[in-house]
Amino acid sequence: MEIIGKFIKKLPETTGESQKGQWIRGGFVIETEEQFPKQVAFSLWGEDKVAQIRNMRTGTTIKVYFSPESREFNERWYTDLRCFRIDAFTNVQSSNGYSSYPSQNMQPSEGGSAPQVHNEPQTNQDYGSFNNMEPQEDDDLPF
């Protein structure tokens, strides 16, 4: 699953040790850009994932890829949204007046402190418009 929103808060990091070794868990909150915005909290597991948000600026528009997971404890259900990828976006105004969001994949930097943005080849996607629809030749509709 995926969702687009503005980065609004980094949550505290938690570390520990298990039988498999050291672990780190972080989290963050985004706010969706809808008529009625919603705030959504995500969790991150692993040093490489947590490093991506350590120095992220508030207000950065990001696309979050996540996996929802629920579990039961004492007859109560708890849901966790585990983020496995974050893409940064720049809001680009298209010729038709709609905004589109070309993606940029965020990877941790060499030092592991701040994420660096690597441009991906642009796809022919335009979120919010129908510019990419081509008319079909064999369309038999009367209008």
C-alpha atoms as a PDB file:
ATOM      1  CA  MET A   1       0.000   0.000   0.000  1.00  0.00           C
ATOM      2  CA  GLU A   2       1.073   3.587  -0.439  1.00  0.00           C
ATOM      3  CA  ILE A   3       0.047   7.060   0.692  1.00  0.00           C
ATOM      4  CA  ILE A   4       1.240  10.602  -0.037  1.00  0.00           C
ATOM      5  CA  GLY A   5       1.484  13.269   2.646  1.00  0.00           C
ATOM      6  CA  LYS A   6       3.626  15.886   4.352  1.00  0.00           C
ATOM      7  CA  PHE A   7       6.194  14.810   6.929  1.00  0.00           C
ATOM      8  CA  ILE A   8       5.169  16.466  10.200  1.00  0.00           C
ATOM      9  CA  LYS A   9       6.967  14.648  13.023  1.00  0.00           C
ATOM     10  CA  LYS A  10       9.707  12.142  13.787  1.00  0.00           C
ATOM     11  CA  LEU A  11       8.876   9.734  16.628  1.00  0.00           C
ATOM     12  CA  PRO A  12      11.450   8.628  19.250  1.00  0.00           C
ATOM     13  CA  GLU A  13      13.788   5.759  18.376  1.00  0.00           C
ATOM     14  CA  THR A  14      13.815   2.552  20.406  1.00  0.00           C
ATOM     15  CA  THR A  15      16.744   0.128  20.496  1.00  0.00           C
ATOM     16  CA  GLY A  16      17.214  -3.273  22.016  1.00  0.00           C
ATOM     17  CA  GLU A  17      18.812  -6.653  21.660  1.00  0.00           C
ATOM     18  CA  SER A  18      17.245  -9.963  20.734  1.00  0.00           C
ATOM     19  CA  GLN A  19      18.592 -13.424  20.022  1.00  0.00           C
ATOM     20  CA  LYS A  20      19.309 -12.249  16.466  1.00  0.00           C
ATOM     21  CA  GLY A  21      21.311  -9.210  17.650  1.00  0.00           C
ATOM     22  CA  GLN A  22      20.793  -5.461  17.943  1.00  0.00           C
ATOM     23  CA  TRP A  23      17.585  -3.893  16.611  1.00  0.00           C
ATOM     24  CA  ILE A  24      16.315  -0.347  16.183  1.00  0.00           C
ATOM     25  CA  ARG A  25      12.787   0.917  15.682  1.00  0.00           C
ATOM     26  CA  GLY A  26      11.783   4.430  14.684  1.00  0.00           C
ATOM     27  CA  GLY A  27       8.669   6.118  13.460  1.00  0.00           C
ATOM     28  CA  PHE A  28       7.183   9.217  11.925  1.00  0.00           C
ATOM     29  CA  VAL A  29       3.871  10.942  11.267  1.00  0.00           C
ATOM     30  CA  ILE A  30       2.567  12.380   7.997  1.00  0.00           C
ATOM     31  CA  GLU A  31      -0.481  14.476   7.232  1.00  0.00           C
ATOM     32  CA  THR A  32      -2.464  13.687   4.085  1.00  0.00           C
ATOM     33  CA  GLU A  33      -3.390  16.433   1.639  1.00  0.00           C
ATOM     34  CA  GLU A  34      -7.137  15.928   1.368  1.00  0.00           C
ATOM     35  CA  GLN A  35     -10.170  18.092   2.000  1.00  0.00           C
ATOM     36  CA  PHE A  36     -10.154  16.702   5.547  1.00  0.00           C
ATOM     37  CA  PRO A  37      -6.460  15.921   6.259  1.00  0.00           C
ATOM     38  CA  LYS A  38      -5.631  12.900   8.384  1.00  0.00           C
ATOM     39  CA  GLN A  39      -2.512  12.270  10.423  1.00  0.00           C
ATOM     40  CA  VAL A  40      -1.024   8.795  10.004  1.00  0.00           C
ATOM     41  CA  ALA A  41       1.806   7.262  12.090  1.00  0.00           C
ATOM     42  CA  PHE A  42       4.242   4.717  10.628  1.00  0.00           C
ATOM     43  CA  SER A  43       6.949   2.520  12.140  1.00  0.00           C
ATOM     44  CA  LEU A  44      10.386   1.780  10.676  1.00  0.00           C
ATOM     45  CA  TRP A  45      12.589  -1.194  11.562  1.00  0.00           C
ATOM     46  CA  GLY A  46      16.333  -1.323  10.930  1.00  0.00           C
ATOM     47  CA  GLU A  47      19.144   1.229  10.932  1.00  0.00           C
ATOM     48  CA  ASP A  48      18.952   1.906   7.173  1.00  0.00           C
ATOM     49  CA  LYS A  49      15.237   2.741   7.317  1.00  0.00           C
ATOM     50  CA  VAL A  50      15.460   4.840  10.510  1.00  0.00           C
ATOM     51  CA  ALA A  51      18.396   6.833   9.050  1.00  0.00           C
ATOM     52  CA  GLN A  52      16.154   8.044   6.202  1.00  0.00           C
ATOM     53  CA  ILE A  53      14.029  10.175   8.537  1.00  0.00           C
ATOM     54  CA  ARG A  54      16.619  11.362  11.072  1.00  0.00           C
ATOM     55  CA  ASN A  55      17.219  14.714   9.367  1.00  0.00           C
ATOM     56  CA  MET A  56      14.056  14.984   7.274  1.00  0.00           C
ATOM     57  CA  ARG A  57      12.557  18.473   7.267  1.00  0.00           C
ATOM     58  CA  THR A  58       9.039  19.118   8.454  1.00  0.00           C
ATOM     59  CA  GLY A  59       6.761  19.838   5.495  1.00  0.00           C
ATOM     60  CA  THR A  60       8.592  17.564   3.040  1.00  0.00           C
ATOM     61  CA  THR A  61       6.069  15.824   0.775  1.00  0.00           C
ATOM     62  CA  ILE A  62       6.736  12.093   0.732  1.00  0.00           C
ATOM     63  CA  LYS A  63       5.192   8.928  -0.633  1.00  0.00           C
ATOM     64  CA  VAL A  64       5.198   6.130   1.937  1.00  0.00           C
ATOM     65  CA  TYR A  65       5.024   2.460   0.962  1.00  0.00           C
ATOM     66  CA  PHE A  66       3.819   0.398   3.895  1.00  0.00           C
ATOM     67  CA  SER A  67       2.389  -2.892   5.046  1.00  0.00           C
ATOM     68  CA  PRO A  68      -0.438  -2.900   7.622  1.00  0.00           C
ATOM     69  CA  GLU A  69      -0.250  -5.555  10.318  1.00  0.00           C
ATOM     70  CA  SER A  70      -2.642  -6.229  13.215  1.00  0.00           C
ATOM     71  CA  ARG A  71      -2.250  -8.447  16.260  1.00  0.00           C
ATOM     72  CA  GLU A  72      -4.301  -9.328  19.319  1.00  0.00           C
ATOM     73  CA  PHE A  73      -3.193  -8.921  22.935  1.00  0.00           C
ATOM     74  CA  ASN A  74      -5.548  -9.459  25.904  1.00  0.00           C
ATOM     75  CA  GLU A  75      -8.589  -9.439  23.612  1.00  0.00           C
ATOM     76  CA  ARG A  76      -7.622  -6.046  22.141  1.00  0.00           C
ATOM     77  CA  TRP A  77      -6.384  -5.471  18.605  1.00  0.00           C
ATOM     78  CA  TYR A  78      -3.393  -3.301  17.720  1.00  0.00           C
ATOM     79  CA  THR A  79      -2.498  -2.200  14.185  1.00  0.00           C
ATOM     80  CA  ASP A  80       0.998  -1.252  13.021  1.00  0.00           C
ATOM     81  CA  LEU A  81       1.764   0.422   9.677  1.00  0.00           C
ATOM     82  CA  ARG A  82       5.278  -0.774   8.823  1.00  0.00           C
ATOM     83  CA  CYS A  83       7.017   1.454   6.305  1.00  0.00           C
ATOM     84  CA  PHE A  84       9.388  -0.299   3.919  1.00  0.00           C
ATOM     85  CA  ARG A  85      10.145   2.528   1.443  1.00  0.00           C
ATOM     86  CA  ILE A  86       9.984   6.332   1.337  1.00  0.00           C
ATOM     87  CA  ASP A  87      10.075   8.490  -1.806  1.00  0.00           C
ATOM     88  CA  ALA A  88      10.420  12.290  -1.688  1.00  0.00           C
ATOM     89  CA  PHE A  89       8.397  14.435  -4.067  1.00  0.00           C
ATOM     90  CA  THR A  90       8.526  17.888  -5.551  1.00  0.00           C
ATOM     91  CA  ASN A  91       5.214  19.484  -6.401  1.00  0.00           C
ATOM     92  CA  VAL A  92       5.277  20.358 -10.103  1.00  0.00           C
ATOM     93  CA  GLN A  93       2.484  22.405 -11.698  1.00  0.00           C
ATOM     94  CA  SER A  94       1.513  20.845 -15.034  1.00  0.00           C
ATOM     95  CA  SER A  95       0.170  22.707 -18.056  1.00  0.00           C
ATOM     96  CA  ASN A  96      -3.428  21.690 -17.275  1.00  0.00           C
ATOM     97  CA  GLY A  97      -3.353  23.252 -13.782  1.00  0.00           C
ATOM     98  CA  TYR A  98      -3.181  19.976 -11.871  1.00  0.00           C
ATOM     99  CA  SER A  99      -0.270  19.080  -9.619  1.00  0.00           C
ATOM    100  CA  SER A 100       1.832  16.062 -10.363  1.00  0.00           C
ATOM    101  CA  TYR A 101       4.430  14.427  -8.148  1.00  0.00           C
ATOM    102  CA  PRO A 102       7.459  12.958  -9.919  1.00  0.00           C
ATOM    103  CA  SER A 103       9.136  10.582  -7.494  1.00  0.00           C
ATOM    104  CA  GLN A 104      12.650  10.649  -6.161  1.00  0.00           C
ATOM    105  CA  ASN A 105      13.901   7.617  -4.265  1.00  0.00           C
ATOM    106  CA  MET A 106      15.450   8.464  -0.885  1.00  0.00           C
ATOM    107  CA  GLN A 107      18.441   6.443   0.215  1.00  0.00           C
ATOM    108  CA  PRO A 108      20.602   6.915   3.313  1.00  0.00           C
ATOM    109  CA  SER A 109      23.812   8.840   2.696  1.00  0.00           C
ATOM    110  CA  GLU A 110      27.285   7.354   2.916  1.00  0.00           C
ATOM    111  CA  GLY A 111      27.678   8.510   6.535  1.00  0.00           C
ATOM    112  CA  GLY A 112      24.197   7.262   7.415  1.00  0.00           C
ATOM    113  CA  SER A 113      23.057  10.615   8.799  1.00  0.00           C
ATOM    114  CA  ALA A 114      20.937  12.438   6.231  1.00  0.00           C
ATOM    115  CA  PRO A 115      19.074  10.945   3.275  1.00  0.00           C
ATOM    116  CA  GLN A 116      20.240  11.805  -0.213  1.00  0.00           C
ATOM    117  CA  VAL A 117      17.777  12.126  -3.045  1.00  0.00           C
ATOM    118  CA  HIS A 118      18.476  10.067  -6.165  1.00  0.00           C
ATOM    119  CA  ASN A 119      16.413  10.945  -9.203  1.00  0.00           C
ATOM    120  CA  GLU A 120      14.650   8.024 -10.813  1.00  0.00           C
ATOM    121  CA  PRO A 121      13.765   8.056 -14.480  1.00  0.00           C
ATOM    122  CA  GLN A 122      10.457   9.821 -14.831  1.00  0.00           C
ATOM    123  CA  THR A 123       7.516   7.675 -15.691  1.00  0.00           C
ATOM    124  CA  ASN A 124       4.605   8.831 -17.799  1.00  0.00           C
ATOM    125  CA  GLN A 125       2.382   9.216 -14.737  1.00  0.00           C
ATOM    126  CA  ASP A 126       0.457  12.368 -14.022  1.00  0.00           C
ATOM    127  CA  TYR A 127      -1.470  12.093 -10.778  1.00  0.00           C
ATOM    128  CA  GLY A 128      -4.754  13.944 -10.929  1.00  0.00           C
ATOM    129  CA  SER A 129      -5.252  14.280 -14.674  1.00  0.00           C
ATOM    130  CA  PHE A 130      -6.197  12.235 -17.713  1.00  0.00           C
ATOM    131  CA  ASN A 131      -3.456  13.482 -20.040  1.00  0.00           C
ATOM    132  CA  ASN A 132      -2.038   9.989 -20.490  1.00  0.00           C
ATOM    133  CA  MET A 133      -5.250   8.470 -21.855  1.00  0.00           C
ATOM    134  CA  GLU A 134      -5.124   7.851 -25.572  1.00  0.00           C
ATOM    135  CA  PRO A 135      -8.332   7.532 -27.592  1.00  0.00           C
ATOM    136  CA  GLN A 136      -8.957   4.054 -28.919  1.00  0.00           C
ATOM    137  CA  GLU A 137      -9.530   3.615 -32.631  1.00  0.00           C
ATOM    138  CA  ASP A 138     -12.151   0.849 -32.347  1.00  0.00           C
ATOM    139  CA  ASP A 139     -14.330   2.700 -29.834  1.00  0.00           C
ATOM    140  CA  ASP A 140     -17.973   2.275 -30.941  1.00  0.00           C
ATOM    141  CA  LEU A 141     -19.552   4.569 -28.353  1.00  0.00           C
ATOM    142  CA  PRO A 142     -21.903   7.211 -29.841  1.00  0.00           C
ATOM    143  CA  PHE A 143     -20.275  10.107 -27.963  1.00  0.00           C
END
